C-alpha atoms as a PDB file:
ATOM      1  CA  MET A   1     123.853  95.508  82.753  1.00  0.00           C
ATOM      2  CA  THR A   2     121.339  96.206  79.936  1.00  0.00           C
ATOM      3  CA  THR A   3     118.836  99.327  80.676  1.00  0.00           C
ATOM      4  CA  LEU A   4     115.694  98.528  81.843  1.00  0.00           C
ATOM      5  CA  ARG A   5     113.036  99.844  79.517  1.00  0.00           C
ATOM      6  CA  ILE A   6     109.980 101.752  81.072  1.00  0.00           C
ATOM      7  CA  LEU A   7     106.385 103.097  80.110  1.00  0.00           C
ATOM      8  CA  ILE A   8     104.731 105.534  82.105  1.00  0.00           C
ATOM      9  CA  ALA A   9     100.586 105.838  82.431  1.00  0.00           C
ATOM     10  CA  ASP A  10      99.780 108.506  84.152  1.00  0.00           C
ATOM     11  CA  ASP A  11      97.311 111.215  83.638  1.00  0.00           C
ATOM     12  CA  HIS A  12      99.234 114.206  85.372  1.00  0.00           C
ATOM     13  CA  PRO A  13     101.676 115.449  82.937  1.00  0.00           C
ATOM     14  CA  LEU A  14     103.668 117.343  85.403  1.00  0.00           C
ATOM     15  CA  TYR A  15     103.997 113.713  87.722  1.00  0.00           C
ATOM     16  CA  ARG A  16     105.238 111.832  84.641  1.00  0.00           C
ATOM     17  CA  ASP A  17     107.652 114.150  84.363  1.00  0.00           C
ATOM     18  CA  GLY A  18     108.613 114.097  87.927  1.00  0.00           C
ATOM     19  CA  LEU A  19     108.989 110.515  87.421  1.00  0.00           C
ATOM     20  CA  THR A  20     110.686 110.384  83.979  1.00  0.00           C
ATOM     21  CA  ALA A  21     113.659 112.278  86.006  1.00  0.00           C
ATOM     22  CA  ALA A  22     113.642 110.435  88.794  1.00  0.00           C
ATOM     23  CA  LEU A  23     114.157 107.455  86.544  1.00  0.00           C
ATOM     24  CA  ALA A  24     116.909 108.651  84.962  1.00  0.00           C
ATOM     25  CA  THR A  25     119.169 109.350  87.824  1.00  0.00           C
ATOM     26  CA  ALA A  26     118.912 105.538  88.082  1.00  0.00           C
ATOM     27  CA  ARG A  27     119.333 104.787  84.395  1.00  0.00           C
ATOM     28  CA  PHE A  28     116.284 103.682  83.163  1.00  0.00           C
ATOM     29  CA  ASP A  29     115.281 104.682  79.542  1.00  0.00           C
ATOM     30  CA  VAL A  30     111.187 106.046  79.733  1.00  0.00           C
ATOM     31  CA  VAL A  31     110.618 105.107  76.163  1.00  0.00           C
ATOM     32  CA  GLY A  32     106.668 106.163  76.331  1.00  0.00           C
ATOM     33  CA  GLU A  33     104.565 108.427  78.444  1.00  0.00           C
ATOM     34  CA  ALA A  34     100.406 107.473  78.444  1.00  0.00           C
ATOM     35  CA  ALA A  35      97.577 110.031  79.751  1.00  0.00           C
ATOM     36  CA  ASP A  36      94.831 107.053  80.031  1.00  0.00           C
ATOM     37  CA  GLY A  37      94.868 102.921  80.229  1.00  0.00           C
ATOM     38  CA  ARG A  38      94.156 102.485  76.273  1.00  0.00           C
ATOM     39  CA  GLN A  39      96.804 105.078  75.300  1.00  0.00           C
ATOM     40  CA  ALA A  40      99.310 102.468  77.748  1.00  0.00           C
ATOM     41  CA  VAL A  41      97.618  99.404  76.103  1.00  0.00           C
ATOM     42  CA  ALA A  42      98.823 100.725  72.699  1.00  0.00           C
ATOM     43  CA  LEU A  43     102.111 101.768  74.100  1.00  0.00           C
ATOM     44  CA  SER A  44     102.399  98.318  75.260  1.00  0.00           C
ATOM     45  CA  LEU A  45     101.883  96.645  72.646  1.00  0.00           C
ATOM     46  CA  GLU A  46     104.075  98.598  70.402  1.00  0.00           C
ATOM     47  CA  LEU A  47     106.356  99.097  72.569  1.00  0.00           C
ATOM     48  CA  GLN A  48     107.359  95.856  74.408  1.00  0.00           C
ATOM     49  CA  PRO A  49     108.561  98.031  77.265  1.00  0.00           C
ATOM     50  CA  ASP A  50     110.545  96.171  80.849  1.00  0.00           C
ATOM     51  CA  VAL A  51     108.235  97.873  82.960  1.00  0.00           C
ATOM     52  CA  VAL A  52     104.798  99.353  82.774  1.00  0.00           C
ATOM     53  CA  ILE A  53     104.603 102.333  85.717  1.00  0.00           C
ATOM     54  CA  MET A  54     100.569 101.953  86.017  1.00  0.00           C
ATOM     55  CA  ASP A  55      98.349 104.982  87.701  1.00  0.00           C
ATOM     56  CA  LEU A  56      94.955 103.489  88.488  1.00  0.00           C
ATOM     57  CA  ASP A  57      92.925 106.384  88.320  1.00  0.00           C
ATOM     58  CA  MET A  58      92.703 107.795  84.993  1.00  0.00           C
ATOM     59  CA  PRO A  59      90.341 109.199  82.942  1.00  0.00           C
ATOM     60  CA  GLY A  60      88.671 106.457  79.885  1.00  0.00           C
ATOM     61  CA  MET A  61      89.785 103.390  80.331  1.00  0.00           C
ATOM     62  CA  GLY A  62      91.231 102.931  84.253  1.00  0.00           C
ATOM     63  CA  GLY A  63      94.329 101.342  85.282  1.00  0.00           C
ATOM     64  CA  ILE A  64      93.163  97.926  86.489  1.00  0.00           C
ATOM     65  CA  GLU A  65      91.771  97.020  82.931  1.00  0.00           C
ATOM     66  CA  ALA A  66      94.599  98.510  81.303  1.00  0.00           C
ATOM     67  CA  THR A  67      96.641  96.020  83.680  1.00  0.00           C
ATOM     68  CA  ARG A  68      94.687  93.000  82.691  1.00  0.00           C
ATOM     69  CA  ARG A  69      95.080  94.070  79.186  1.00  0.00           C
ATOM     70  CA  ILE A  70      98.520  94.375  79.347  1.00  0.00           C
ATOM     71  CA  ALA A  71      98.983  91.228  81.244  1.00  0.00           C
ATOM     72  CA  HIS A  72      96.974  89.120  79.012  1.00  0.00           C
ATOM     73  CA  GLY A  73      98.870  90.630  75.863  1.00  0.00           C
ATOM     74  CA  SER A  74     101.945  90.456  77.046  1.00  0.00           C
ATOM     75  CA  PRO A  75     103.091  88.192  80.191  1.00  0.00           C
ATOM     76  CA  HIS A  76     106.601  89.111  79.714  1.00  0.00           C
ATOM     77  CA  VAL A  77     105.512  92.877  80.618  1.00  0.00           C
ATOM     78  CA  GLY A  78     105.777  94.164  84.786  1.00  0.00           C
ATOM     79  CA  ILE A  79     103.189  96.084  85.716  1.00  0.00           C
ATOM     80  CA  LEU A  80     104.097  97.880  88.862  1.00  0.00           C
ATOM     81  CA  VAL A  81     101.253 100.021  90.256  1.00  0.00           C
ATOM     82  CA  LEU A  82     101.660 103.783  91.545  1.00  0.00           C
ATOM     83  CA  THR A  83      98.596 105.353  92.769  1.00  0.00           C
ATOM     84  CA  MET A  84      96.816 107.315  95.444  1.00  0.00           C
ATOM     85  CA  LEU A  85      94.122 104.355  96.299  1.00  0.00           C
ATOM     86  CA  ALA A  86      95.254 102.388  99.275  1.00  0.00           C
ATOM     87  CA  ASP A  87      91.882 100.748  99.641  1.00  0.00           C
ATOM     88  CA  ASP A  88      91.699  97.093  99.428  1.00  0.00           C
ATOM     89  CA  ASP A  89      89.430  96.571  96.551  1.00  0.00           C
ATOM     90  CA  SER A  90      92.206  98.492  94.656  1.00  0.00           C
ATOM     91  CA  VAL A  91      94.781  96.847  95.611  1.00  0.00           C
ATOM     92  CA  PHE A  92      93.668  93.230  94.956  1.00  0.00           C
ATOM     93  CA  ALA A  93      92.094  93.982  91.854  1.00  0.00           C
ATOM     94  CA  ALA A  94      95.109  94.904  90.836  1.00  0.00           C
ATOM     95  CA  LEU A  95      96.878  92.091  91.888  1.00  0.00           C
ATOM     96  CA  ARG A  96      94.175  89.666  90.454  1.00  0.00           C
ATOM     97  CA  VAL A  97      94.743  91.194  87.120  1.00  0.00           C
ATOM     98  CA  GLY A  98      98.231  90.079  86.769  1.00  0.00           C
ATOM     99  CA  ALA A  99     100.520  93.593  88.649  1.00  0.00           C
ATOM    100  CA  ARG A 100     103.031  92.828  90.217  1.00  0.00           C
ATOM    101  CA  GLY A 101     103.796  95.328  92.458  1.00  0.00           C
ATOM    102  CA  TYR A 102     101.276  98.282  94.434  1.00  0.00           C
ATOM    103  CA  LEU A 103     103.137 101.590  95.602  1.00  0.00           C
ATOM    104  CA  LEU A 104     101.490 104.659  97.066  1.00  0.00           C
ATOM    105  CA  LYS A 105     102.368 107.987  95.434  1.00  0.00           C
ATOM    106  CA  GLY A 106     104.494 109.799  97.964  1.00  0.00           C
ATOM    107  CA  ALA A 107     106.948 106.936  97.384  1.00  0.00           C
ATOM    108  CA  SER A 108     110.409 107.529  97.727  1.00  0.00           C
ATOM    109  CA  GLN A 109     112.627 108.080  94.532  1.00  0.00           C
ATOM    110  CA  ALA A 110     114.571 105.288  96.160  1.00  0.00           C
ATOM    111  CA  GLU A 111     111.929 103.358  96.657  1.00  0.00           C
ATOM    112  CA  ILE A 112     110.228 103.446  93.478  1.00  0.00           C
ATOM    113  CA  VAL A 113     113.941 102.812  91.621  1.00  0.00           C
ATOM    114  CA  ARG A 114     114.031  99.434  93.824  1.00  0.00           C
ATOM    115  CA  ALA A 115     110.242  98.046  93.023  1.00  0.00           C
ATOM    116  CA  VAL A 116     111.043  98.478  89.563  1.00  0.00           C
ATOM    117  CA  GLN A 117     114.397  96.814  89.642  1.00  0.00           C
ATOM    118  CA  THR A 118     112.393  93.824  91.528  1.00  0.00           C
ATOM    119  CA  VAL A 119     109.462  93.796  88.974  1.00  0.00           C
ATOM    120  CA  ALA A 120     111.802  93.500  85.603  1.00  0.00           C
ATOM    121  CA  ASP A 121     113.218  90.674  87.798  1.00  0.00           C
ATOM    122  CA  GLY A 122     110.025  89.078  87.769  1.00  0.00           C
ATOM    123  CA  GLY A 123     109.710  89.821  91.562  1.00  0.00           C
ATOM    124  CA  GLY A 124     106.622  91.018  93.795  1.00  0.00           C
ATOM    125  CA  VAL A 125     106.754  94.341  95.905  1.00  0.00           C
ATOM    126  CA  PHE A 126     104.631  96.338  97.995  1.00  0.00           C
ATOM    127  CA  GLY A 127     104.861  99.693  99.812  1.00  0.00           C
ATOM    128  CA  ALA A 128     105.170  98.581 103.661  1.00  0.00           C
ATOM    129  CA  SER A 129     101.963 100.031 104.538  1.00  0.00           C
ATOM    130  CA  LEU A 130     100.328  97.776 102.153  1.00  0.00           C
ATOM    131  CA  ALA A 131     102.894  95.024 102.368  1.00  0.00           C
ATOM    132  CA  ARG A 132     100.983  93.564 105.523  1.00  0.00           C
ATOM    133  CA  ARG A 133      97.619  93.597 104.731  1.00  0.00           C
ATOM    134  CA  VAL A 134      98.743  91.233 101.495  1.00  0.00           C
ATOM    135  CA  MET A 135     100.414  89.323 103.678  1.00  0.00           C
ATOM    136  CA  ASP A 136      97.246  88.999 105.858  1.00  0.00           C
ATOM    137  CA  HIS A 137      94.797  88.515 102.637  1.00  0.00           C
ATOM    138  CA  PHE A 138      96.705  85.112 101.866  1.00  0.00           C
ATOM    139  CA  SER A 139      97.568  83.545 105.090  1.00  0.00           C
ATOM    140  CA  GLY A 140      95.706  82.084 107.410  1.00  0.00           C
ATOM    141  CA  GLN A 141      91.888  81.121 107.338  1.00  0.00           C
ATOM    142  CA  GLN A 142      90.957  83.699 104.243  1.00  0.00           C
ATOM    143  CA  ALA A 143      93.764  81.402 102.224  1.00  0.00           C
ATOM    144  CA  THR A 144      91.471  78.679 102.296  1.00  0.00           C
ATOM    145  CA  GLU A 145      88.291  80.122 101.107  1.00  0.00           C
ATOM    146  CA  PRO A 146      86.653  79.712  97.620  1.00  0.00           C
ATOM    147  CA  PHE A 147      87.291  83.253  95.829  1.00  0.00           C
ATOM    148  CA  PRO A 148      88.923  85.393  98.616  1.00  0.00           C
ATOM    149  CA  GLU A 149      87.429  88.305  96.607  1.00  0.00           C
ATOM    150  CA  LEU A 150      84.169  87.395  97.433  1.00  0.00           C
ATOM    151  CA  THR A 151      82.484  89.028 100.491  1.00  0.00           C
ATOM    152  CA  ASP A 152      81.027  86.685 103.157  1.00  0.00           C
ATOM    153  CA  ARG A 153      77.300  87.406 101.623  1.00  0.00           C
ATOM    154  CA  GLU A 154      78.661  86.835  97.842  1.00  0.00           C
ATOM    155  CA  ARG A 155      80.575  84.125  98.659  1.00  0.00           C
ATOM    156  CA  GLU A 156      76.912  82.611 100.151  1.00  0.00           C
ATOM    157  CA  VAL A 157      74.942  84.019  97.210  1.00  0.00           C
ATOM    158  CA  LEU A 158      77.099  82.692  94.977  1.00  0.00           C
ATOM    159  CA  ALA A 159      76.644  78.799  96.294  1.00  0.00           C
ATOM    160  CA  LEU A 160      73.269  79.339  96.060  1.00  0.00           C
ATOM    161  CA  VAL A 161      73.844  80.187  92.878  1.00  0.00           C
ATOM    162  CA  ALA A 162      75.951  77.359  91.731  1.00  0.00           C
ATOM    163  CA  ALA A 163      73.078  75.254  93.265  1.00  0.00           C
ATOM    164  CA  GLY A 164      70.571  76.118  90.857  1.00  0.00           C
ATOM    165  CA  GLN A 165      68.669  78.144  92.889  1.00  0.00           C
ATOM    166  CA  ASN A 166      66.823  81.520  90.852  1.00  0.00           C
ATOM    167  CA  ASN A 167      67.372  85.109  92.192  1.00  0.00           C
ATOM    168  CA  THR A 168      63.835  84.844  93.612  1.00  0.00           C
ATOM    169  CA  ALA A 169      64.625  81.501  95.491  1.00  0.00           C
ATOM    170  CA  ILE A 170      67.911  83.274  97.013  1.00  0.00           C
ATOM    171  CA  ALA A 171      66.403  86.239  98.247  1.00  0.00           C
ATOM    172  CA  ALA A 172      63.358  84.753  99.899  1.00  0.00           C
ATOM    173  CA  GLN A 173      65.832  81.962 101.568  1.00  0.00           C
ATOM    174  CA  LEU A 174      68.861  85.014 102.388  1.00  0.00           C
ATOM    175  CA  ALA A 175      65.719  87.490 103.285  1.00  0.00           C
ATOM    176  CA  LEU A 176      67.666  89.927 101.048  1.00  0.00           C
ATOM    177  CA  ALA A 177      65.295  92.631  98.501  1.00  0.00           C
ATOM    178  CA  HIS A 178      65.269  91.025  95.467  1.00  0.00           C
ATOM    179  CA  LYS A 179      67.180  94.328  93.364  1.00  0.00           C
ATOM    180  CA  THR A 180      69.816  93.556  96.656  1.00  0.00           C
ATOM    181  CA  VAL A 181      70.499  89.612  95.195  1.00  0.00           C
ATOM    182  CA  ARG A 182      71.110  91.141  91.277  1.00  0.00           C
ATOM    183  CA  ASN A 183      73.648  93.806  92.645  1.00  0.00           C
ATOM    184  CA  HIS A 184      75.458  90.845  94.682  1.00  0.00           C
ATOM    185  CA  ILE A 185      75.259  88.478  91.417  1.00  0.00           C
ATOM    186  CA  SER A 186      76.616  91.765  89.495  1.00  0.00           C
ATOM    187  CA  ASN A 187      79.372  91.811  92.033  1.00  0.00           C
ATOM    188  CA  ILE A 188      80.372  88.222  91.894  1.00  0.00           C
ATOM    189  CA  LEU A 189      80.483  88.333  88.018  1.00  0.00           C
ATOM    190  CA  THR A 190      82.519  91.987  87.826  1.00  0.00           C
ATOM    191  CA  LYS A 191      85.316  89.813  90.820  1.00  0.00           C
ATOM    192  CA  LEU A 192      85.283  86.738  88.983  1.00  0.00           C
ATOM    193  CA  GLN A 193      86.383  88.276  85.666  1.00  0.00           C
ATOM    194  CA  VAL A 194      83.056  86.001  83.992  1.00  0.00           C
ATOM    195  CA  SER A 195      80.646  87.225  81.518  1.00  0.00           C
ATOM    196  CA  ASP A 196      77.196  85.492  82.542  1.00  0.00           C
ATOM    197  CA  ARG A 197      75.814  83.464  84.894  1.00  0.00           C
ATOM    198  CA  ALA A 198      76.940  80.120  83.433  1.00  0.00           C
ATOM    199  CA  GLN A 199      79.952  80.812  83.778  1.00  0.00           C
ATOM    200  CA  ALA A 200      80.283  81.802  87.365  1.00  0.00           C
ATOM    201  CA  ILE A 201      78.011  78.643  88.469  1.00  0.00           C
ATOM    202  CA  ILE A 202      81.264  76.287  86.441  1.00  0.00           C
ATOM    203  CA  ARG A 203      83.502  78.269  88.816  1.00  0.00           C
ATOM    204  CA  ALA A 204      81.742  77.821  91.871  1.00  0.00           C
ATOM    205  CA  ARG A 205      81.293  74.259  91.244  1.00  0.00           C
ATOM    206  CA  THR A 206      84.945  73.606  90.170  1.00  0.00           C
ATOM    207  CA  ALA A 207      85.561  75.515  93.193  1.00  0.00           C
ATOM    208  CA  GLY A 208      83.296  72.971  95.261  1.00  0.00           C
ATOM    209  CA  LEU A 209      80.697  75.477  96.015  1.00  0.00           C
ATOM    210  CA  GLY A 210      76.788  74.061  95.142  1.00  0.00           C
END
């Protein structure tokens, strides 16, 4: 059986050492270590590992942006998030940019080994405490809404943007402060991963908003 090649991205050297030792017992080969997202992207492109184990909270470029860049540049590389961050925003942001799995630090050695193998095989894996949230997010009413990553208010603002209304008109219609509308639109652009209002309008109208 081919030995899996692993890249670890985490800014804590002692944690990387412990994880490397744990993976060695499963005969996985840790081919590189990165202390931040920028190093993770560079080493992933250079080494082409089978799986990147990615922390999210790192200095400089964080794990979300690093995951996005690796998934875009090397889509065959599986990315398993292993982090302390358990909030919904972090979980779904990681999934949207290409992570195939998400575990919380504190997972057992056996869980991590199984997750690495699953991700390498092209599957998805989530820690037990996260699995129900992920299932709920992608099922039922929520799954039928366009852009489930947006809040209800953000979706409402996006619909008005797609209808051609400017910030002043949106603020008046929704009884919001002009600054609040501006903040909502900034969040929308970030969550939809678009660079400007025009691209957001195209995405929204394609989804039937506006």
